[in-house]
C-alpha atoms as a PDB file:
ATOM      1  CA  MET A   1      -0.031  -0.018   0.008  1.00  0.00           C
ATOM      2  CA  LEU A   2       1.199   3.469  -0.866  1.00  0.00           C
ATOM      3  CA  LEU A   3       0.417   6.337   1.579  1.00  0.00           C
ATOM      4  CA  THR A   4       0.178   9.785  -0.145  1.00  0.00           C
ATOM      5  CA  ILE A   5       0.047  13.006   1.835  1.00  0.00           C
ATOM      6  CA  ASP A   6      -0.864  16.413   0.294  1.00  0.00           C
ATOM      7  CA  VAL A   7      -0.276  19.299   2.830  1.00  0.00           C
ATOM      8  CA  GLY A   8      -2.084  22.436   1.859  1.00  0.00           C
ATOM      9  CA  ASN A   9      -2.192  25.706   3.744  1.00  0.00           C
ATOM     10  CA  THR A  10      -5.696  24.926   5.213  1.00  0.00           C
ATOM     11  CA  HIS A  11      -6.137  21.183   4.916  1.00  0.00           C
ATOM     12  CA  THR A  12      -4.069  18.057   4.549  1.00  0.00           C
ATOM     13  CA  VAL A  13      -5.420  15.216   2.430  1.00  0.00           C
ATOM     14  CA  LEU A  14      -4.235  11.732   2.794  1.00  0.00           C
ATOM     15  CA  GLY A  15      -4.855   8.909   0.356  1.00  0.00           C
ATOM     16  CA  LEU A  16      -4.134   5.185   0.460  1.00  0.00           C
ATOM     17  CA  PHE A  17      -3.390   3.445  -2.791  1.00  0.00           C
ATOM     18  CA  ASP A  18      -3.558  -0.242  -3.604  1.00  0.00           C
ATOM     19  CA  GLY A  19      -1.793  -0.278  -6.969  1.00  0.00           C
ATOM     20  CA  GLU A  20      -3.394   2.450  -9.067  1.00  0.00           C
ATOM     21  CA  GLU A  21      -6.636   2.462  -7.018  1.00  0.00           C
ATOM     22  CA  ILE A  22      -7.258   4.796  -4.176  1.00  0.00           C
ATOM     23  CA  VAL A  23      -8.946   2.713  -1.516  1.00  0.00           C
ATOM     24  CA  GLU A  24      -9.170   5.178   1.336  1.00  0.00           C
ATOM     25  CA  HIS A  25      -8.847   8.885   1.949  1.00  0.00           C
ATOM     26  CA  TRP A  26      -8.796  11.339   4.859  1.00  0.00           C
ATOM     27  CA  ARG A  27      -8.922  15.152   5.192  1.00  0.00           C
ATOM     28  CA  ILE A  28      -7.620  16.906   8.290  1.00  0.00           C
ATOM     29  CA  SER A  29      -6.756  20.464   9.223  1.00  0.00           C
ATOM     30  CA  THR A  30      -3.250  21.669   8.597  1.00  0.00           C
ATOM     31  CA  ASP A  31      -1.528  22.766  11.813  1.00  0.00           C
ATOM     32  CA  ALA A  32       2.099  23.960  11.514  1.00  0.00           C
ATOM     33  CA  ARG A  33       2.514  23.662  15.270  1.00  0.00           C
ATOM     34  CA  ARG A  34       2.120  19.791  15.247  1.00  0.00           C
ATOM     35  CA  THR A  35       5.221  17.907  16.061  1.00  0.00           C
ATOM     36  CA  ALA A  36       6.315  14.706  14.416  1.00  0.00           C
ATOM     37  CA  ASP A  37       5.176  12.676  17.269  1.00  0.00           C
ATOM     38  CA  GLU A  38       1.716  14.200  17.272  1.00  0.00           C
ATOM     39  CA  LEU A  39       1.541  13.599  13.460  1.00  0.00           C
ATOM     40  CA  ALA A  40       2.393   9.985  14.095  1.00  0.00           C
ATOM     41  CA  VAL A  41      -0.321   9.602  16.669  1.00  0.00           C
ATOM     42  CA  LEU A  42      -2.815  11.191  14.274  1.00  0.00           C
ATOM     43  CA  LEU A  43      -1.845   8.825  11.474  1.00  0.00           C
ATOM     44  CA  GLN A  44      -2.164   5.901  13.800  1.00  0.00           C
ATOM     45  CA  GLY A  45      -5.706   6.997  14.692  1.00  0.00           C
ATOM     46  CA  LEU A  46      -6.740   7.404  11.109  1.00  0.00           C
ATOM     47  CA  MET A  47      -5.122   4.150   9.784  1.00  0.00           C
ATOM     48  CA  GLY A  48      -5.182   1.896  12.714  1.00  0.00           C
ATOM     49  CA  ALA A  49      -8.650   0.477  12.242  1.00  0.00           C
ATOM     50  CA  HIS A  50      -8.432   0.219   8.436  1.00  0.00           C
ATOM     51  CA  PRO A  51      -8.983  -3.425   7.373  1.00  0.00           C
ATOM     52  CA  LEU A  52      -6.143  -3.393   4.799  1.00  0.00           C
ATOM     53  CA  LEU A  53      -3.552  -2.316   7.346  1.00  0.00           C
ATOM     54  CA  GLY A  54      -2.036  -3.848  10.494  1.00  0.00           C
ATOM     55  CA  GLU A  55      -2.645  -2.487  13.990  1.00  0.00           C
ATOM     56  CA  GLU A  56       0.829  -1.064  14.425  1.00  0.00           C
ATOM     57  CA  LEU A  57       1.844   2.209  12.770  1.00  0.00           C
ATOM     58  CA  GLY A  58       3.459   1.349   9.404  1.00  0.00           C
ATOM     59  CA  ASP A  59       2.004  -2.107   9.123  1.00  0.00           C
ATOM     60  CA  GLY A  60       0.926  -2.591   5.428  1.00  0.00           C
ATOM     61  CA  ILE A  61       2.481   0.688   4.280  1.00  0.00           C
ATOM     62  CA  GLU A  62       5.118  -0.114   1.522  1.00  0.00           C
ATOM     63  CA  GLY A  63       5.798   3.411   0.365  1.00  0.00           C
ATOM     64  CA  ILE A  64       5.096   7.123   1.232  1.00  0.00           C
ATOM     65  CA  ALA A  65       4.840  10.106  -1.048  1.00  0.00           C
ATOM     66  CA  ILE A  66       4.532  13.567   0.362  1.00  0.00           C
ATOM     67  CA  CYS A  67       4.221  17.159  -0.958  1.00  0.00           C
ATOM     68  CA  SER A  68       3.701  20.231   1.133  1.00  0.00           C
ATOM     69  CA  THR A  69       3.105  23.938   0.692  1.00  0.00           C
ATOM     70  CA  VAL A  70       3.915  24.401   4.373  1.00  0.00           C
ATOM     71  CA  PRO A  71       7.673  24.091   5.063  1.00  0.00           C
ATOM     72  CA  ALA A  72       7.295  23.542   8.828  1.00  0.00           C
ATOM     73  CA  VAL A  73       4.923  20.630   8.313  1.00  0.00           C
ATOM     74  CA  LEU A  74       7.183  19.091   5.609  1.00  0.00           C
ATOM     75  CA  HIS A  75      10.003  19.249   8.219  1.00  0.00           C
ATOM     76  CA  GLU A  76       8.019  17.335  10.752  1.00  0.00           C
ATOM     77  CA  LEU A  77       6.712  14.757   8.253  1.00  0.00           C
ATOM     78  CA  ARG A  78      10.304  14.150   7.229  1.00  0.00           C
ATOM     79  CA  GLU A  79      10.944  13.241  10.814  1.00  0.00           C
ATOM     80  CA  VAL A  80       7.815  11.024  10.896  1.00  0.00           C
ATOM     81  CA  THR A  81       9.145   9.062   7.955  1.00  0.00           C
ATOM     82  CA  ARG A  82      12.568   8.623   9.562  1.00  0.00           C
ATOM     83  CA  ARG A  83      11.336   7.672  13.143  1.00  0.00           C
ATOM     84  CA  TYR A  84       8.165   5.703  12.364  1.00  0.00           C
ATOM     85  CA  TYR A  85       8.617   4.513   8.944  1.00  0.00           C
ATOM     86  CA  GLY A  86      12.350   3.984   8.763  1.00  0.00           C
ATOM     87  CA  ASP A  87      12.141   0.872   6.576  1.00  0.00           C
ATOM     88  CA  VAL A  88       9.646   2.273   4.192  1.00  0.00           C
ATOM     89  CA  PRO A  89      10.788   4.041   0.996  1.00  0.00           C
ATOM     90  CA  ALA A  90       9.595   7.685   1.051  1.00  0.00           C
ATOM     91  CA  VAL A  91       9.547  10.318  -1.601  1.00  0.00           C
ATOM     92  CA  LEU A  92       9.260  13.952  -0.438  1.00  0.00           C
ATOM     93  CA  VAL A  93       8.613  16.354  -3.399  1.00  0.00           C
ATOM     94  CA  GLU A  94      11.315  18.995  -3.377  1.00  0.00           C
ATOM     95  CA  PRO A  95      14.199  20.115  -5.511  1.00  0.00           C
ATOM     96  CA  GLY A  96      15.905  17.131  -7.024  1.00  0.00           C
ATOM     97  CA  ILE A  97      12.942  15.000  -7.187  1.00  0.00           C
ATOM     98  CA  LYS A  98      11.986  13.688 -10.657  1.00  0.00           C
ATOM     99  CA  THR A  99       8.452  14.852 -11.465  1.00  0.00           C
ATOM    100  CA  GLY A 100       8.555  14.405 -15.283  1.00  0.00           C
ATOM    101  CA  VAL A 101       7.260  17.900 -15.694  1.00  0.00           C
ATOM    102  CA  PRO A 102       9.574  20.586 -17.245  1.00  0.00           C
ATOM    103  CA  ILE A 103       8.825  23.862 -15.599  1.00  0.00           C
ATOM    104  CA  LEU A 104       8.718  26.940 -17.889  1.00  0.00           C
ATOM    105  CA  MET A 105       8.907  29.602 -15.310  1.00  0.00           C
ATOM    106  CA  ASP A 106      11.318  32.491 -14.621  1.00  0.00           C
ATOM    107  CA  ASN A 107      12.087  30.918 -11.246  1.00  0.00           C
ATOM    108  CA  PRO A 108      10.910  27.265 -11.145  1.00  0.00           C
ATOM    109  CA  LYS A 109      11.539  27.134  -7.360  1.00  0.00           C
ATOM    110  CA  GLU A 110       8.719  29.609  -6.829  1.00  0.00           C
ATOM    111  CA  VAL A 111       6.147  27.147  -8.076  1.00  0.00           C
ATOM    112  CA  GLY A 112       4.283  25.193  -5.279  1.00  0.00           C
ATOM    113  CA  THR A 113       4.968  21.501  -5.453  1.00  0.00           C
ATOM    114  CA  ASP A 114       1.303  20.716  -5.374  1.00  0.00           C
ATOM    115  CA  ARG A 115       0.858  22.653  -8.574  1.00  0.00           C
ATOM    116  CA  ILE A 116       3.660  20.658 -10.354  1.00  0.00           C
ATOM    117  CA  ILE A 117       2.209  17.379  -8.988  1.00  0.00           C
ATOM    118  CA  ASN A 118      -1.222  18.356 -10.389  1.00  0.00           C
ATOM    119  CA  ALA A 119       0.356  19.152 -13.763  1.00  0.00           C
ATOM    120  CA  ALA A 120       2.018  15.739 -13.740  1.00  0.00           C
ATOM    121  CA  ALA A 121      -1.333  14.009 -13.026  1.00  0.00           C
ATOM    122  CA  ALA A 122      -3.218  15.994 -15.563  1.00  0.00           C
ATOM    123  CA  ALA A 123      -0.712  15.236 -18.381  1.00  0.00           C
ATOM    124  CA  ASP A 124      -0.880  11.533 -17.507  1.00  0.00           C
ATOM    125  CA  LEU A 125      -4.616  11.294 -17.215  1.00  0.00           C
ATOM    126  CA  TYR A 126      -5.793  13.639 -19.899  1.00  0.00           C
ATOM    127  CA  GLY A 127      -2.777  14.690 -22.003  1.00  0.00           C
ATOM    128  CA  GLY A 128      -2.041  18.216 -22.941  1.00  0.00           C
ATOM    129  CA  PRO A 129      -2.805  20.967 -23.440  1.00  0.00           C
ATOM    130  CA  ALA A 130      -4.749  21.225 -20.132  1.00  0.00           C
ATOM    131  CA  ILE A 131      -5.635  23.612 -17.445  1.00  0.00           C
ATOM    132  CA  VAL A 132      -5.968  22.530 -13.853  1.00  0.00           C
ATOM    133  CA  VAL A 133      -8.276  24.674 -11.584  1.00  0.00           C
ATOM    134  CA  ASP A 134      -7.537  23.882  -7.982  1.00  0.00           C
ATOM    135  CA  PHE A 135     -10.081  25.246  -5.475  1.00  0.00           C
ATOM    136  CA  GLY A 136      -8.148  25.479  -2.169  1.00  0.00           C
ATOM    137  CA  THR A 137      -6.955  28.238   0.161  1.00  0.00           C
ATOM    138  CA  ALA A 138      -6.286  30.044  -3.165  1.00  0.00           C
ATOM    139  CA  THR A 139      -7.888  29.322  -6.505  1.00  0.00           C
ATOM    140  CA  THR A 140      -5.108  28.317  -8.766  1.00  0.00           C
ATOM    141  CA  PHE A 141      -5.129  27.921 -12.519  1.00  0.00           C
ATOM    142  CA  ASP A 142      -2.205  25.919 -13.947  1.00  0.00           C
ATOM    143  CA  ALA A 143      -1.385  25.516 -17.640  1.00  0.00           C
ATOM    144  CA  VAL A 144      -0.021  22.299 -19.017  1.00  0.00           C
ATOM    145  CA  SER A 145       1.382  22.466 -22.566  1.00  0.00           C
ATOM    146  CA  ALA A 146       0.813  19.870 -25.323  1.00  0.00           C
ATOM    147  CA  ARG A 147       4.181  18.498 -24.432  1.00  0.00           C
ATOM    148  CA  GLY A 148       3.335  18.081 -20.701  1.00  0.00           C
ATOM    149  CA  GLU A 149       5.229  21.093 -19.673  1.00  0.00           C
ATOM    150  CA  TYR A 150       4.141  23.437 -16.762  1.00  0.00           C
ATOM    151  CA  ALA A 151       3.640  26.561 -18.702  1.00  0.00           C
ATOM    152  CA  GLY A 152       2.589  28.924 -15.881  1.00  0.00           C
ATOM    153  CA  GLY A 153      -0.515  29.870 -14.152  1.00  0.00           C
ATOM    154  CA  VAL A 154      -2.850  32.207 -12.269  1.00  0.00           C
ATOM    155  CA  ILE A 155      -3.419  32.709  -8.546  1.00  0.00           C
ATOM    156  CA  ALA A 156      -6.560  34.252  -7.173  1.00  0.00           C
ATOM    157  CA  PRO A 157      -8.035  34.463  -3.667  1.00  0.00           C
ATOM    158  CA  GLY A 158      -9.832  31.286  -2.642  1.00  0.00           C
ATOM    159  CA  ILE A 159     -13.551  30.962  -1.868  1.00  0.00           C
ATOM    160  CA  GLU A 160     -13.131  30.661   1.836  1.00  0.00           C
ATOM    161  CA  ILE A 161     -10.711  33.591   1.979  1.00  0.00           C
ATOM    162  CA  SER A 162     -13.302  35.693   0.165  1.00  0.00           C
ATOM    163  CA  VAL A 163     -16.073  34.660   2.503  1.00  0.00           C
ATOM    164  CA  GLU A 164     -13.936  35.501   5.561  1.00  0.00           C
ATOM    165  CA  ALA A 165     -12.970  38.902   4.227  1.00  0.00           C
ATOM    166  CA  LEU A 166     -16.590  39.875   3.579  1.00  0.00           C
ATOM    167  CA  GLY A 167     -17.424  38.969   7.222  1.00  0.00           C
ATOM    168  CA  VAL A 168     -14.483  40.846   8.631  1.00  0.00           C
ATOM    169  CA  ARG A 169     -14.543  43.997   6.564  1.00  0.00           C
ATOM    170  CA  GLY A 170     -18.282  44.370   6.065  1.00  0.00           C
ATOM    171  CA  ALA A 171     -19.771  46.137   9.089  1.00  0.00           C
ATOM    172  CA  GLN A 172     -23.237  44.560   8.570  1.00  0.00           C
ATOM    173  CA  LEU A 173     -22.102  41.303   7.064  1.00  0.00           C
ATOM    174  CA  ARG A 174     -21.170  38.007   8.764  1.00  0.00           C
ATOM    175  CA  LYS A 175     -19.615  34.736   7.980  1.00  0.00           C
ATOM    176  CA  ILE A 176     -22.036  32.503   6.011  1.00  0.00           C
ATOM    177  CA  GLU A 177     -22.514  28.937   5.074  1.00  0.00           C
ATOM    178  CA  LEU A 178     -21.054  28.086   1.586  1.00  0.00           C
ATOM    179  CA  ALA A 179     -24.215  26.928  -0.202  1.00  0.00           C
ATOM    180  CA  ARG A 180     -26.128  27.631  -3.398  1.00  0.00           C
ATOM    181  CA  PRO A 181     -28.856  30.216  -2.862  1.00  0.00           C
ATOM    182  CA  ARG A 182     -32.408  29.869  -4.232  1.00  0.00           C
ATOM    183  CA  SER A 183     -31.667  32.338  -7.079  1.00  0.00           C
ATOM    184  CA  VAL A 184     -28.977  34.633  -8.335  1.00  0.00           C
ATOM    185  CA  ILE A 185     -30.932  37.598  -6.990  1.00  0.00           C
ATOM    186  CA  GLY A 186     -30.731  37.153  -3.277  1.00  0.00           C
ATOM    187  CA  LYS A 187     -33.884  37.825  -1.133  1.00  0.00           C
ATOM    188  CA  ASN A 188     -31.871  38.431   2.003  1.00  0.00           C
ATOM    189  CA  THR A 189     -28.288  39.259   2.945  1.00  0.00           C
ATOM    190  CA  VAL A 190     -27.150  35.619   3.347  1.00  0.00           C
ATOM    191  CA  GLU A 191     -28.442  34.659  -0.073  1.00  0.00           C
ATOM    192  CA  ALA A 192     -27.003  37.747  -1.670  1.00  0.00           C
ATOM    193  CA  MET A 193     -23.591  36.912  -0.309  1.00  0.00           C
ATOM    194  CA  GLN A 194     -23.861  33.242  -1.314  1.00  0.00           C
ATOM    195  CA  ALA A 195     -24.865  34.257  -4.856  1.00  0.00           C
ATOM    196  CA  GLY A 196     -21.938  36.648  -5.077  1.00  0.00           C
ATOM    197  CA  ILE A 197     -19.513  33.943  -3.986  1.00  0.00           C
ATOM    198  CA  ILE A 198     -20.838  30.994  -5.953  1.00  0.00           C
ATOM    199  CA  TYR A 199     -21.736  32.800  -9.258  1.00  0.00           C
ATOM    200  CA  GLY A 200     -18.857  35.274  -8.958  1.00  0.00           C
ATOM    201  CA  PHE A 201     -16.371  32.550  -8.692  1.00  0.00           C
ATOM    202  CA  ALA A 202     -17.981  30.571 -11.544  1.00  0.00           C
ATOM    203  CA  GLY A 203     -17.805  33.742 -13.684  1.00  0.00           C
ATOM    204  CA  GLN A 204     -14.131  34.182 -12.630  1.00  0.00           C
ATOM    205  CA  VAL A 205     -13.340  30.642 -13.586  1.00  0.00           C
ATOM    206  CA  ASP A 206     -15.006  30.931 -17.048  1.00  0.00           C
ATOM    207  CA  GLY A 207     -13.338  34.217 -17.780  1.00  0.00           C
ATOM    208  CA  VAL A 208      -9.820  33.241 -16.667  1.00  0.00           C
ATOM    209  CA  VAL A 209      -9.924  29.916 -18.324  1.00  0.00           C
ATOM    210  CA  ALA A 210     -11.144  31.407 -21.631  1.00  0.00           C
ATOM    211  CA  ARG A 211      -8.155  33.832 -21.685  1.00  0.00           C
ATOM    212  CA  MET A 212      -5.749  31.121 -20.730  1.00  0.00           C
ATOM    213  CA  LYS A 213      -6.981  28.780 -23.564  1.00  0.00           C
ATOM    214  CA  LYS A 214      -6.243  31.491 -26.201  1.00  0.00           C
ATOM    215  CA  GLU A 215      -2.624  31.607 -25.071  1.00  0.00           C
ATOM    216  CA  LEU A 216      -2.167  27.939 -24.586  1.00  0.00           C
ATOM    217  CA  ALA A 217      -3.388  26.542 -27.820  1.00  0.00           C
ATOM    218  CA  ASP A 218      -4.193  27.544 -31.335  1.00  0.00           C
ATOM    219  CA  ASP A 219      -7.578  25.808 -30.971  1.00  0.00           C
ATOM    220  CA  PRO A 220      -9.099  26.564 -27.497  1.00  0.00           C
ATOM    221  CA  ASP A 221     -11.288  23.416 -27.829  1.00  0.00           C
ATOM    222  CA  ASP A 222      -8.210  21.301 -27.653  1.00  0.00           C
ATOM    223  CA  VAL A 223      -7.605  22.273 -24.050  1.00  0.00           C
ATOM    224  CA  THR A 224      -8.971  20.043 -21.338  1.00  0.00           C
ATOM    225  CA  VAL A 225     -10.073  21.831 -18.169  1.00  0.00           C
ATOM    226  CA  ILE A 226      -9.780  19.711 -14.904  1.00  0.00           C
ATOM    227  CA  ALA A 227     -11.237  20.868 -11.576  1.00  0.00           C
ATOM    228  CA  THR A 228      -9.877  19.703  -8.267  1.00  0.00           C
ATOM    229  CA  GLY A 229      -9.671  20.732  -4.680  1.00  0.00           C
ATOM    230  CA  GLY A 230     -12.018  20.525  -1.731  1.00  0.00           C
ATOM    231  CA  LEU A 231     -14.277  23.443  -2.797  1.00  0.00           C
ATOM    232  CA  ALA A 232     -14.613  22.389  -6.474  1.00  0.00           C
ATOM    233  CA  PRO A 233     -18.083  20.972  -6.039  1.00  0.00           C
ATOM    234  CA  MET A 234     -19.403  24.484  -5.076  1.00  0.00           C
ATOM    235  CA  VAL A 235     -18.649  25.708  -8.588  1.00  0.00           C
ATOM    236  CA  LEU A 236     -18.836  22.746 -10.843  1.00  0.00           C
ATOM    237  CA  GLY A 237     -22.515  23.084 -11.701  1.00  0.00           C
ATOM    238  CA  GLU A 238     -22.208  26.753 -12.487  1.00  0.00           C
ATOM    239  CA  SER A 239     -19.049  26.903 -14.536  1.00  0.00           C
ATOM    240  CA  SER A 240     -19.361  26.279 -18.263  1.00  0.00           C
ATOM    241  CA  VAL A 241     -15.772  25.477 -18.986  1.00  0.00           C
ATOM    242  CA  ILE A 242     -14.906  22.637 -16.703  1.00  0.00           C
ATOM    243  CA  ASP A 243     -14.450  19.310 -18.630  1.00  0.00           C
ATOM    244  CA  GLU A 244     -13.431  16.911 -15.844  1.00  0.00           C
ATOM    245  CA  HIS A 245     -13.630  16.767 -12.070  1.00  0.00           C
ATOM    246  CA  GLU A 246     -10.843  14.741 -10.356  1.00  0.00           C
ATOM    247  CA  PRO A 247     -10.946  15.321  -6.600  1.00  0.00           C
ATOM    248  CA  TRP A 248      -7.829  13.157  -6.013  1.00  0.00           C
ATOM    249  CA  LEU A 249      -5.649  14.727  -8.649  1.00  0.00           C
ATOM    250  CA  THR A 250      -2.790  15.651  -6.342  1.00  0.00           C
ATOM    251  CA  LEU A 251      -2.831  12.238  -4.697  1.00  0.00           C
ATOM    252  CA  ILE A 252      -2.697  10.590  -8.147  1.00  0.00           C
ATOM    253  CA  GLY A 253       0.171  12.777  -9.044  1.00  0.00           C
ATOM    254  CA  LEU A 254       2.008  11.831  -5.853  1.00  0.00           C
ATOM    255  CA  ARG A 255       1.605   8.198  -6.782  1.00  0.00           C
ATOM    256  CA  LEU A 256       3.005   8.921 -10.233  1.00  0.00           C
ATOM    257  CA  VAL A 257       6.034  10.780  -8.848  1.00  0.00           C
ATOM    258  CA  TYR A 258       6.705   8.151  -6.298  1.00  0.00           C
ATOM    259  CA  GLU A 259       6.773   5.515  -9.108  1.00  0.00           C
ATOM    260  CA  ARG A 260       9.140   7.661 -11.116  1.00  0.00           C
ATOM    261  CA  ASN A 261      11.535   8.089  -8.295  1.00  0.00           C
ATOM    262  CA  ILE A 262      11.499   4.825  -6.365  1.00  0.00           C
ATOM    263  CA  SER A 263      13.724   2.918  -8.857  1.00  0.00           C
ATOM    264  CA  ARG A 264      16.377   5.610  -8.298  1.00  0.00           C
ATOM    265  CA  MET A 265      16.496   5.224  -4.512  1.00  0.00           C
END
């Protein structure tokens, strides 16, 4: 079994692969204050009762692949793999790791590892050209060329960030549930805010993707648009440009990168 761990700014997603099939997954909050020992206890709690794994931490785990946008958490996870999974091959995505994705950026080190991993998965699953829209703490748009290269991207404030900003900066506004309102024209303040968030972000996605398609391919219809991230379902039904929804895109990319590197270890 391969354990994959995708550490984002807000949430950490874990996936368990049996071959190419993801058989279990978990989502927890990301806390940069957690120590390696605390993370090990958390992993034991999540995986200890799984029927495909043993009762002891590490039983049944044959490999680990990790990417993180939070350096402090990556440091502690490195310690987890050393102390608790010492005999298990581990791939931590960082400079020097083979991803199979050429990065066409002014400074490749600036690009988040999760975005490169997403590009690797998109190229493998759907081919290029493609655009990955990841609905996380930020909403990111990542362009994959016809040759599978990471061609660049767009970063916009995420849905939850926008909701929190409205609640904090609006004197008569408050935090709301992220849900579709009855109609675009809200009949109360909550529905008006929900409409602004849901339909506003759908319009943003459609507009940004349309512009990116023109720069990425001679024929915009050749570009596959893939949505991923925990908040993607909020926008899927309202956006007109999304072709595929793959909630485990980053975990799949981690599996691919693990396979590309394990033979070199």
